[in-house]
mmCIF file of all heavy atoms, coordinates in Angstrom:
data_MODEL
# 
_entry.id   MODEL 
# 
loop_
_atom_site.group_PDB 
_atom_site.id 
_atom_site.type_symbol 
_atom_site.label_atom_id 
_atom_site.label_alt_id 
_atom_site.label_comp_id 
_atom_site.label_asym_id 
_atom_site.label_entity_id 
_atom_site.label_seq_id 
_atom_site.pdbx_PDB_ins_code 
_atom_site.Cartn_x 
_atom_site.Cartn_y 
_atom_site.Cartn_z 
_atom_site.occupancy 
_atom_site.B_iso_or_equiv 
_atom_site.pdbx_formal_charge 
_atom_site.auth_seq_id 
_atom_site.auth_comp_id 
_atom_site.auth_asym_id 
_atom_site.auth_atom_id 
_atom_site.pdbx_PDB_model_num 
ATOM 1   N N   . ASP A 1 1  ? 6.933   -4.049  3.806   1.00 0.00 ? 1  ASP A N   1 
ATOM 2   C CA  . ASP A 1 1  ? 8.280   -4.609  3.931   1.00 0.00 ? 1  ASP A CA  1 
ATOM 3   C C   . ASP A 1 1  ? 8.332   -6.038  3.383   1.00 0.00 ? 1  ASP A C   1 
ATOM 4   O O   . ASP A 1 1  ? 9.305   -6.424  2.716   1.00 0.00 ? 1  ASP A O   1 
ATOM 5   C CB  . ASP A 1 1  ? 8.728   -4.586  5.389   1.00 0.00 ? 1  ASP A CB  1 
ATOM 6   C CG  . ASP A 1 1  ? 9.007   -3.184  5.903   1.00 0.00 ? 1  ASP A CG  1 
ATOM 7   O OD1 . ASP A 1 1  ? 9.029   -2.235  5.084   1.00 0.00 ? 1  ASP A OD1 1 
ATOM 8   O OD2 . ASP A 1 1  ? 9.188   -3.021  7.126   1.00 0.00 ? 1  ASP A OD2 1 
ATOM 9   N N   . ARG A 1 2  ? 7.305   -6.834  3.647   1.00 0.00 ? 2  ARG A N   1 
ATOM 10  C CA  . ARG A 1 2  ? 7.288   -8.216  3.158   1.00 0.00 ? 2  ARG A CA  1 
ATOM 11  C C   . ARG A 1 2  ? 7.137   -8.264  1.631   1.00 0.00 ? 2  ARG A C   1 
ATOM 12  O O   . ARG A 1 2  ? 7.707   -9.151  0.980   1.00 0.00 ? 2  ARG A O   1 
ATOM 13  C CB  . ARG A 1 2  ? 6.132   -8.974  3.820   1.00 0.00 ? 2  ARG A CB  1 
ATOM 14  C CG  . ARG A 1 2  ? 6.355   -9.254  5.299   1.00 0.00 ? 2  ARG A CG  1 
ATOM 15  C CD  . ARG A 1 2  ? 7.241   -10.481 5.532   1.00 0.00 ? 2  ARG A CD  1 
ATOM 16  N NE  . ARG A 1 2  ? 7.582   -10.647 6.929   1.00 0.00 ? 2  ARG A NE  1 
ATOM 17  C CZ  . ARG A 1 2  ? 6.803   -11.246 7.835   1.00 0.00 ? 2  ARG A CZ  1 
ATOM 18  N NH1 . ARG A 1 2  ? 5.620   -11.713 7.487   1.00 0.00 ? 2  ARG A NH1 1 
ATOM 19  N NH2 . ARG A 1 2  ? 7.218   -11.371 9.089   1.00 0.00 ? 2  ARG A NH2 1 
ATOM 20  N N   . MET A 1 3  ? 6.384   -7.345  1.066   1.00 0.00 ? 3  MET A N   1 
ATOM 21  C CA  . MET A 1 3  ? 6.242   -7.328  -0.389  1.00 0.00 ? 3  MET A CA  1 
ATOM 22  C C   . MET A 1 3  ? 7.514   -6.876  -1.087  1.00 0.00 ? 3  MET A C   1 
ATOM 23  O O   . MET A 1 3  ? 7.829   -7.329  -2.185  1.00 0.00 ? 3  MET A O   1 
ATOM 24  C CB  . MET A 1 3  ? 5.062   -6.434  -0.795  1.00 0.00 ? 3  MET A CB  1 
ATOM 25  C CG  . MET A 1 3  ? 3.709   -7.070  -0.501  1.00 0.00 ? 3  MET A CG  1 
ATOM 26  S SD  . MET A 1 3  ? 2.310   -6.163  -1.211  1.00 0.00 ? 3  MET A SD  1 
ATOM 27  C CE  . MET A 1 3  ? 2.222   -4.788  -0.084  1.00 0.00 ? 3  MET A CE  1 
ATOM 28  N N   . ALA A 1 4  ? 8.239   -5.960  -0.462  1.00 0.00 ? 4  ALA A N   1 
ATOM 29  C CA  . ALA A 1 4  ? 9.555   -5.506  -0.954  1.00 0.00 ? 4  ALA A CA  1 
ATOM 30  C C   . ALA A 1 4  ? 9.481   -4.967  -2.377  1.00 0.00 ? 4  ALA A C   1 
ATOM 31  O O   . ALA A 1 4  ? 10.372  -5.221  -3.199  1.00 0.00 ? 4  ALA A O   1 
ATOM 32  C CB  . ALA A 1 4  ? 10.577  -6.638  -0.855  1.00 0.00 ? 4  ALA A CB  1 
ATOM 33  N N   . LEU A 1 5  ? 8.437   -4.195  -2.674  1.00 0.00 ? 5  LEU A N   1 
ATOM 34  C CA  . LEU A 1 5  ? 8.356   -3.548  -3.979  1.00 0.00 ? 5  LEU A CA  1 
ATOM 35  C C   . LEU A 1 5  ? 9.344   -2.386  -4.042  1.00 0.00 ? 5  LEU A C   1 
ATOM 36  O O   . LEU A 1 5  ? 9.735   -1.823  -3.020  1.00 0.00 ? 5  LEU A O   1 
ATOM 37  C CB  . LEU A 1 5  ? 6.935   -3.047  -4.236  1.00 0.00 ? 5  LEU A CB  1 
ATOM 38  C CG  . LEU A 1 5  ? 5.844   -4.125  -4.276  1.00 0.00 ? 5  LEU A CG  1 
ATOM 39  C CD1 . LEU A 1 5  ? 4.474   -3.471  -4.497  1.00 0.00 ? 5  LEU A CD1 1 
ATOM 40  C CD2 . LEU A 1 5  ? 6.120   -5.157  -5.354  1.00 0.00 ? 5  LEU A CD2 1 
ATOM 41  N N   . GLN A 1 6  ? 9.710   -2.017  -5.259  1.00 0.00 ? 6  GLN A N   1 
ATOM 42  C CA  . GLN A 1 6  ? 10.691  -0.958  -5.469  1.00 0.00 ? 6  GLN A CA  1 
ATOM 43  C C   . GLN A 1 6  ? 10.008  0.318   -5.943  1.00 0.00 ? 6  GLN A C   1 
ATOM 44  O O   . GLN A 1 6  ? 8.948   0.268   -6.571  1.00 0.00 ? 6  GLN A O   1 
ATOM 45  C CB  . GLN A 1 6  ? 11.737  -1.406  -6.491  1.00 0.00 ? 6  GLN A CB  1 
ATOM 46  C CG  . GLN A 1 6  ? 12.516  -2.640  -6.084  1.00 0.00 ? 6  GLN A CG  1 
ATOM 47  C CD  . GLN A 1 6  ? 13.230  -2.449  -4.763  1.00 0.00 ? 6  GLN A CD  1 
ATOM 48  O OE1 . GLN A 1 6  ? 13.976  -1.499  -4.579  1.00 0.00 ? 6  GLN A OE1 1 
ATOM 49  N NE2 . GLN A 1 6  ? 12.998  -3.370  -3.819  1.00 0.00 ? 6  GLN A NE2 1 
ATOM 50  N N   . PRO A 1 7  ? 10.599  1.482   -5.668  1.00 0.00 ? 7  PRO A N   1 
ATOM 51  C CA  . PRO A 1 7  ? 10.005  2.738   -6.133  1.00 0.00 ? 7  PRO A CA  1 
ATOM 52  C C   . PRO A 1 7  ? 9.681   2.675   -7.624  1.00 0.00 ? 7  PRO A C   1 
ATOM 53  O O   . PRO A 1 7  ? 10.469  2.171   -8.420  1.00 0.00 ? 7  PRO A O   1 
ATOM 54  C CB  . PRO A 1 7  ? 11.095  3.769   -5.836  1.00 0.00 ? 7  PRO A CB  1 
ATOM 55  C CG  . PRO A 1 7  ? 11.831  3.204   -4.659  1.00 0.00 ? 7  PRO A CG  1 
ATOM 56  C CD  . PRO A 1 7  ? 11.845  1.716   -4.891  1.00 0.00 ? 7  PRO A CD  1 
ATOM 57  N N   . GLY A 1 8  ? 8.500   3.170   -7.962  1.00 0.00 ? 8  GLY A N   1 
ATOM 58  C CA  . GLY A 1 8  ? 8.060   3.138   -9.347  1.00 0.00 ? 8  GLY A CA  1 
ATOM 59  C C   . GLY A 1 8  ? 7.167   1.961   -9.674  1.00 0.00 ? 8  GLY A C   1 
ATOM 60  O O   . GLY A 1 8  ? 6.459   1.986   -10.685 1.00 0.00 ? 8  GLY A O   1 
ATOM 61  N N   . GLN A 1 9  ? 7.205   0.902   -8.858  1.00 0.00 ? 9  GLN A N   1 
ATOM 62  C CA  . GLN A 1 9  ? 6.306   -0.224  -9.105  1.00 0.00 ? 9  GLN A CA  1 
ATOM 63  C C   . GLN A 1 9  ? 4.886   0.136   -8.669  1.00 0.00 ? 9  GLN A C   1 
ATOM 64  O O   . GLN A 1 9  ? 4.661   1.126   -7.972  1.00 0.00 ? 9  GLN A O   1 
ATOM 65  C CB  . GLN A 1 9  ? 6.806   -1.480  -8.383  1.00 0.00 ? 9  GLN A CB  1 
ATOM 66  C CG  . GLN A 1 9  ? 8.067   -2.072  -9.008  1.00 0.00 ? 9  GLN A CG  1 
ATOM 67  C CD  . GLN A 1 9  ? 8.419   -3.436  -8.440  1.00 0.00 ? 9  GLN A CD  1 
ATOM 68  O OE1 . GLN A 1 9  ? 8.872   -3.563  -7.309  1.00 0.00 ? 9  GLN A OE1 1 
ATOM 69  N NE2 . GLN A 1 9  ? 8.197   -4.481  -9.246  1.00 0.00 ? 9  GLN A NE2 1 
ATOM 70  N N   . VAL A 1 10 ? 3.926   -0.701  -9.105  1.00 0.00 ? 10 VAL A N   1 
ATOM 71  C CA  . VAL A 1 10 ? 2.513   -0.398  -8.887  1.00 0.00 ? 10 VAL A CA  1 
ATOM 72  C C   . VAL A 1 10 ? 1.920   -1.341  -7.850  1.00 0.00 ? 10 VAL A C   1 
ATOM 73  O O   . VAL A 1 10 ? 2.052   -2.563  -7.948  1.00 0.00 ? 10 VAL A O   1 
ATOM 74  C CB  . VAL A 1 10 ? 1.722   -0.511  -10.211 1.00 0.00 ? 10 VAL A CB  1 
ATOM 75  C CG1 . VAL A 1 10 ? 0.245   -0.163  -9.975  1.00 0.00 ? 10 VAL A CG1 1 
ATOM 76  C CG2 . VAL A 1 10 ? 2.318   0.417   -11.268 1.00 0.00 ? 10 VAL A CG2 1 
ATOM 77  N N   . LEU A 1 11 ? 1.236   -0.760  -6.867  1.00 0.00 ? 11 LEU A N   1 
ATOM 78  C CA  . LEU A 1 11 ? 0.581   -1.511  -5.800  1.00 0.00 ? 11 LEU A CA  1 
ATOM 79  C C   . LEU A 1 11 ? -0.909  -1.250  -5.839  1.00 0.00 ? 11 LEU A C   1 
ATOM 80  O O   . LEU A 1 11 ? -1.347  -0.094  -5.862  1.00 0.00 ? 11 LEU A O   1 
ATOM 81  C CB  . LEU A 1 11 ? 1.129   -1.081  -4.431  1.00 0.00 ? 11 LEU A CB  1 
ATOM 82  C CG  . LEU A 1 11 ? 0.419   -1.667  -3.202  1.00 0.00 ? 11 LEU A CG  1 
ATOM 83  C CD1 . LEU A 1 11 ? 0.699   -3.158  -3.077  1.00 0.00 ? 11 LEU A CD1 1 
ATOM 84  C CD2 . LEU A 1 11 ? 0.822   -0.923  -1.933  1.00 0.00 ? 11 LEU A CD2 1 
ATOM 85  N N   . ALA A 1 12 ? -1.713  -2.308  -5.844  1.00 0.00 ? 12 ALA A N   1 
ATOM 86  C CA  . ALA A 1 12 ? -3.162  -2.187  -5.681  1.00 0.00 ? 12 ALA A CA  1 
ATOM 87  C C   . ALA A 1 12 ? -3.511  -2.391  -4.213  1.00 0.00 ? 12 ALA A C   1 
ATOM 88  O O   . ALA A 1 12 ? -2.875  -3.190  -3.523  1.00 0.00 ? 12 ALA A O   1 
ATOM 89  C CB  . ALA A 1 12 ? -3.884  -3.208  -6.552  1.00 0.00 ? 12 ALA A CB  1 
ATOM 90  N N   . VAL A 1 13 ? -4.536  -1.682  -3.755  1.00 0.00 ? 13 VAL A N   1 
ATOM 91  C CA  . VAL A 1 13 ? -4.958  -1.762  -2.351  1.00 0.00 ? 13 VAL A CA  1 
ATOM 92  C C   . VAL A 1 13 ? -6.473  -1.920  -2.295  1.00 0.00 ? 13 VAL A C   1 
ATOM 93  O O   . VAL A 1 13 ? -7.203  -1.097  -2.865  1.00 0.00 ? 13 VAL A O   1 
ATOM 94  C CB  . VAL A 1 13 ? -4.550  -0.507  -1.557  1.00 0.00 ? 13 VAL A CB  1 
ATOM 95  C CG1 . VAL A 1 13 ? -4.965  -0.625  -0.094  1.00 0.00 ? 13 VAL A CG1 1 
ATOM 96  C CG2 . VAL A 1 13 ? -3.050  -0.259  -1.668  1.00 0.00 ? 13 VAL A CG2 1 
ATOM 97  N N   . THR A 1 14 ? -6.949  -2.973  -1.623  1.00 0.00 ? 14 THR A N   1 
ATOM 98  C CA  . THR A 1 14 ? -8.380  -3.090  -1.342  1.00 0.00 ? 14 THR A CA  1 
ATOM 99  C C   . THR A 1 14 ? -8.635  -2.660  0.096   1.00 0.00 ? 14 THR A C   1 
ATOM 100 O O   . THR A 1 14 ? -7.744  -2.701  0.947   1.00 0.00 ? 14 THR A O   1 
ATOM 101 C CB  . THR A 1 14 ? -8.897  -4.526  -1.548  1.00 0.00 ? 14 THR A CB  1 
ATOM 102 O OG1 . THR A 1 14 ? -8.361  -5.385  -0.534  1.00 0.00 ? 14 THR A OG1 1 
ATOM 103 C CG2 . THR A 1 14 ? -8.535  -5.046  -2.926  1.00 0.00 ? 14 THR A CG2 1 
ATOM 104 N N   . GLY A 1 15 ? -9.867  -2.212  0.348   1.00 0.00 ? 15 GLY A N   1 
ATOM 105 C CA  . GLY A 1 15 ? -10.173 -1.694  1.682   1.00 0.00 ? 15 GLY A CA  1 
ATOM 106 C C   . GLY A 1 15 ? -9.422  -0.415  1.964   1.00 0.00 ? 15 GLY A C   1 
ATOM 107 O O   . GLY A 1 15 ? -9.068  -0.129  3.113   1.00 0.00 ? 15 GLY A O   1 
ATOM 108 N N   . ALA A 1 16 ? -9.201  0.392   0.939   1.00 0.00 ? 16 ALA A N   1 
ATOM 109 C CA  . ALA A 1 16 ? -8.325  1.562   1.079   1.00 0.00 ? 16 ALA A CA  1 
ATOM 110 C C   . ALA A 1 16 ? -8.893  2.638   1.989   1.00 0.00 ? 16 ALA A C   1 
ATOM 111 O O   . ALA A 1 16 ? -8.143  3.462   2.506   1.00 0.00 ? 16 ALA A O   1 
ATOM 112 C CB  . ALA A 1 16 ? -8.027  2.153   -0.301  1.00 0.00 ? 16 ALA A CB  1 
ATOM 113 N N   . ALA A 1 17 ? -10.205 2.654   2.191   1.00 0.00 ? 17 ALA A N   1 
ATOM 114 C CA  . ALA A 1 17 ? -10.798 3.651   3.080   1.00 0.00 ? 17 ALA A CA  1 
ATOM 115 C C   . ALA A 1 17 ? -10.697 3.247   4.544   1.00 0.00 ? 17 ALA A C   1 
ATOM 116 O O   . ALA A 1 17 ? -10.953 4.073   5.433   1.00 0.00 ? 17 ALA A O   1 
ATOM 117 C CB  . ALA A 1 17 ? -12.259 3.894   2.707   1.00 0.00 ? 17 ALA A CB  1 
ATOM 118 N N   . GLY A 1 18 ? -10.342 1.999   4.818   1.00 0.00 ? 18 GLY A N   1 
ATOM 119 C CA  . GLY A 1 18 ? -10.196 1.534   6.188   1.00 0.00 ? 18 GLY A CA  1 
ATOM 120 C C   . GLY A 1 18 ? -8.878  1.965   6.795   1.00 0.00 ? 18 GLY A C   1 
ATOM 121 O O   . GLY A 1 18 ? -8.017  2.556   6.130   1.00 0.00 ? 18 GLY A O   1 
ATOM 122 N N   . SER A 1 19 ? -8.687  1.654   8.059   1.00 0.00 ? 19 SER A N   1 
ATOM 123 C CA  . SER A 1 19 ? -7.474  2.098   8.751   1.00 0.00 ? 19 SER A CA  1 
ATOM 124 C C   . SER A 1 19 ? -6.225  1.416   8.198   1.00 0.00 ? 19 SER A C   1 
ATOM 125 O O   . SER A 1 19 ? -5.242  2.084   7.870   1.00 0.00 ? 19 SER A O   1 
ATOM 126 C CB  . SER A 1 19 ? -7.607  1.855   10.252  1.00 0.00 ? 19 SER A CB  1 
ATOM 127 O OG  . SER A 1 19 ? -8.588  2.702   10.802  1.00 0.00 ? 19 SER A OG  1 
ATOM 128 N N   . PHE A 1 20 ? -6.235  0.086   8.088   1.00 0.00 ? 20 PHE A N   1 
ATOM 129 C CA  . PHE A 1 20 ? -5.084  -0.613  7.523   1.00 0.00 ? 20 PHE A CA  1 
ATOM 130 C C   . PHE A 1 20 ? -4.841  -0.174  6.092   1.00 0.00 ? 20 PHE A C   1 
ATOM 131 O O   . PHE A 1 20 ? -3.735  0.230   5.717   1.00 0.00 ? 20 PHE A O   1 
ATOM 132 C CB  . PHE A 1 20 ? -5.290  -2.126  7.579   1.00 0.00 ? 20 PHE A CB  1 
ATOM 133 C CG  . PHE A 1 20 ? -4.326  -2.917  6.739   1.00 0.00 ? 20 PHE A CG  1 
ATOM 134 C CD1 . PHE A 1 20 ? -3.010  -3.100  7.138   1.00 0.00 ? 20 PHE A CD1 1 
ATOM 135 C CD2 . PHE A 1 20 ? -4.729  -3.467  5.525   1.00 0.00 ? 20 PHE A CD2 1 
ATOM 136 C CE1 . PHE A 1 20 ? -2.108  -3.822  6.359   1.00 0.00 ? 20 PHE A CE1 1 
ATOM 137 C CE2 . PHE A 1 20 ? -3.849  -4.198  4.735   1.00 0.00 ? 20 PHE A CE2 1 
ATOM 138 C CZ  . PHE A 1 20 ? -2.531  -4.364  5.152   1.00 0.00 ? 20 PHE A CZ  1 
ATOM 139 N N   . GLY A 1 21 ? -5.880  -0.210  5.254   1.00 0.00 ? 21 GLY A N   1 
ATOM 140 C CA  . GLY A 1 21 ? -5.722  0.152   3.855   1.00 0.00 ? 21 GLY A CA  1 
ATOM 141 C C   . GLY A 1 21 ? -5.270  1.581   3.669   1.00 0.00 ? 21 GLY A C   1 
ATOM 142 O O   . GLY A 1 21 ? -4.430  1.881   2.807   1.00 0.00 ? 21 GLY A O   1 
ATOM 143 N N   . GLY A 1 22 ? -5.812  2.480   4.480   1.00 0.00 ? 22 GLY A N   1 
ATOM 144 C CA  . GLY A 1 22 ? -5.408  3.881   4.376   1.00 0.00 ? 22 GLY A CA  1 
ATOM 145 C C   . GLY A 1 22 ? -3.945  4.088   4.701   1.00 0.00 ? 22 GLY A C   1 
ATOM 146 O O   . GLY A 1 22 ? -3.246  4.855   4.021   1.00 0.00 ? 22 GLY A O   1 
ATOM 147 N N   . TYR A 1 23 ? -3.464  3.393   5.740   1.00 0.00 ? 23 TYR A N   1 
ATOM 148 C CA  . TYR A 1 23 ? -2.039  3.504   6.061   1.00 0.00 ? 23 TYR A CA  1 
ATOM 149 C C   . TYR A 1 23 ? -1.175  2.882   4.965   1.00 0.00 ? 23 TYR A C   1 
ATOM 150 O O   . TYR A 1 23 ? -0.097  3.395   4.646   1.00 0.00 ? 23 TYR A O   1 
ATOM 151 C CB  . TYR A 1 23 ? -1.743  2.836   7.404   1.00 0.00 ? 23 TYR A CB  1 
ATOM 152 C CG  . TYR A 1 23 ? -2.191  3.635   8.604   1.00 0.00 ? 23 TYR A CG  1 
ATOM 153 C CD1 . TYR A 1 23 ? -2.848  3.024   9.670   1.00 0.00 ? 23 TYR A CD1 1 
ATOM 154 C CD2 . TYR A 1 23 ? -1.953  5.004   8.689   1.00 0.00 ? 23 TYR A CD2 1 
ATOM 155 C CE1 . TYR A 1 23 ? -3.263  3.744   10.780  1.00 0.00 ? 23 TYR A CE1 1 
ATOM 156 C CE2 . TYR A 1 23 ? -2.370  5.738   9.785   1.00 0.00 ? 23 TYR A CE2 1 
ATOM 157 C CZ  . TYR A 1 23 ? -3.019  5.100   10.826  1.00 0.00 ? 23 TYR A CZ  1 
ATOM 158 O OH  . TYR A 1 23 ? -3.423  5.838   11.921  1.00 0.00 ? 23 TYR A OH  1 
ATOM 159 N N   . VAL A 1 24 ? -1.632  1.774   4.370   1.00 0.00 ? 24 VAL A N   1 
ATOM 160 C CA  . VAL A 1 24 ? -0.873  1.179   3.269   1.00 0.00 ? 24 VAL A CA  1 
ATOM 161 C C   . VAL A 1 24 ? -0.739  2.191   2.138   1.00 0.00 ? 24 VAL A C   1 
ATOM 162 O O   . VAL A 1 24 ? 0.349   2.383   1.580   1.00 0.00 ? 24 VAL A O   1 
ATOM 163 C CB  . VAL A 1 24 ? -1.534  -0.110  2.759   1.00 0.00 ? 24 VAL A CB  1 
ATOM 164 C CG1 . VAL A 1 24 ? -0.873  -0.573  1.462   1.00 0.00 ? 24 VAL A CG1 1 
ATOM 165 C CG2 . VAL A 1 24 ? -1.427  -1.215  3.798   1.00 0.00 ? 24 VAL A CG2 1 
ATOM 166 N N   . VAL A 1 25 ? -1.841  2.847   1.786   1.00 0.00 ? 25 VAL A N   1 
ATOM 167 C CA  . VAL A 1 25 ? -1.791  3.835   0.706   1.00 0.00 ? 25 VAL A CA  1 
ATOM 168 C C   . VAL A 1 25 ? -0.764  4.914   1.023   1.00 0.00 ? 25 VAL A C   1 
ATOM 169 O O   . VAL A 1 25 ? 0.117   5.229   0.207   1.00 0.00 ? 25 VAL A O   1 
ATOM 170 C CB  . VAL A 1 25 ? -3.180  4.462   0.479   1.00 0.00 ? 25 VAL A CB  1 
ATOM 171 C CG1 . VAL A 1 25 ? -3.081  5.649   -0.477  1.00 0.00 ? 25 VAL A CG1 1 
ATOM 172 C CG2 . VAL A 1 25 ? -4.159  3.426   -0.076  1.00 0.00 ? 25 VAL A CG2 1 
ATOM 173 N N   . GLN A 1 26 ? -0.854  5.499   2.212   1.00 0.00 ? 26 GLN A N   1 
ATOM 174 C CA  . GLN A 1 26 ? 0.037   6.611   2.542   1.00 0.00 ? 26 GLN A CA  1 
ATOM 175 C C   . GLN A 1 26 ? 1.500   6.180   2.637   1.00 0.00 ? 26 GLN A C   1 
ATOM 176 O O   . GLN A 1 26 ? 2.397   6.871   2.137   1.00 0.00 ? 26 GLN A O   1 
ATOM 177 C CB  . GLN A 1 26 ? -0.414  7.265   3.842   1.00 0.00 ? 26 GLN A CB  1 
ATOM 178 C CG  . GLN A 1 26 ? -1.749  7.985   3.697   1.00 0.00 ? 26 GLN A CG  1 
ATOM 179 C CD  . GLN A 1 26 ? -2.049  8.893   4.873   1.00 0.00 ? 26 GLN A CD  1 
ATOM 180 O OE1 . GLN A 1 26 ? -2.032  8.455   6.026   1.00 0.00 ? 26 GLN A OE1 1 
ATOM 181 N NE2 . GLN A 1 26 ? -2.335  10.150  4.600   1.00 0.00 ? 26 GLN A NE2 1 
ATOM 182 N N   . LEU A 1 27 ? 1.752   5.039   3.257   1.00 0.00 ? 27 LEU A N   1 
ATOM 183 C CA  . LEU A 1 27 ? 3.138   4.577   3.391   1.00 0.00 ? 27 LEU A CA  1 
ATOM 184 C C   . LEU A 1 27 ? 3.701   4.158   2.045   1.00 0.00 ? 27 LEU A C   1 
ATOM 185 O O   . LEU A 1 27 ? 4.897   4.368   1.774   1.00 0.00 ? 27 LEU A O   1 
ATOM 186 C CB  . LEU A 1 27 ? 3.199   3.417   4.387   1.00 0.00 ? 27 LEU A CB  1 
ATOM 187 C CG  . LEU A 1 27 ? 2.855   3.763   5.840   1.00 0.00 ? 27 LEU A CG  1 
ATOM 188 C CD1 . LEU A 1 27 ? 2.856   2.506   6.700   1.00 0.00 ? 27 LEU A CD1 1 
ATOM 189 C CD2 . LEU A 1 27 ? 3.831   4.794   6.404   1.00 0.00 ? 27 LEU A CD2 1 
ATOM 190 N N   . ALA A 1 28 ? 2.862   3.571   1.181   1.00 0.00 ? 28 ALA A N   1 
ATOM 191 C CA  . ALA A 1 28 ? 3.330   3.182   -0.154  1.00 0.00 ? 28 ALA A CA  1 
ATOM 192 C C   . ALA A 1 28 ? 3.695   4.404   -0.975  1.00 0.00 ? 28 ALA A C   1 
ATOM 193 O O   . ALA A 1 28 ? 4.718   4.420   -1.677  1.00 0.00 ? 28 ALA A O   1 
ATOM 194 C CB  . ALA A 1 28 ? 2.259   2.357   -0.864  1.00 0.00 ? 28 ALA A CB  1 
# 
């Protein structure tokens, strides 16, 4: 929500196998 990216934009995620990172991947 704070990043406010729009559909189609690209997000990189570090720590993606962790709990926070994994949820970021799925919600993104």
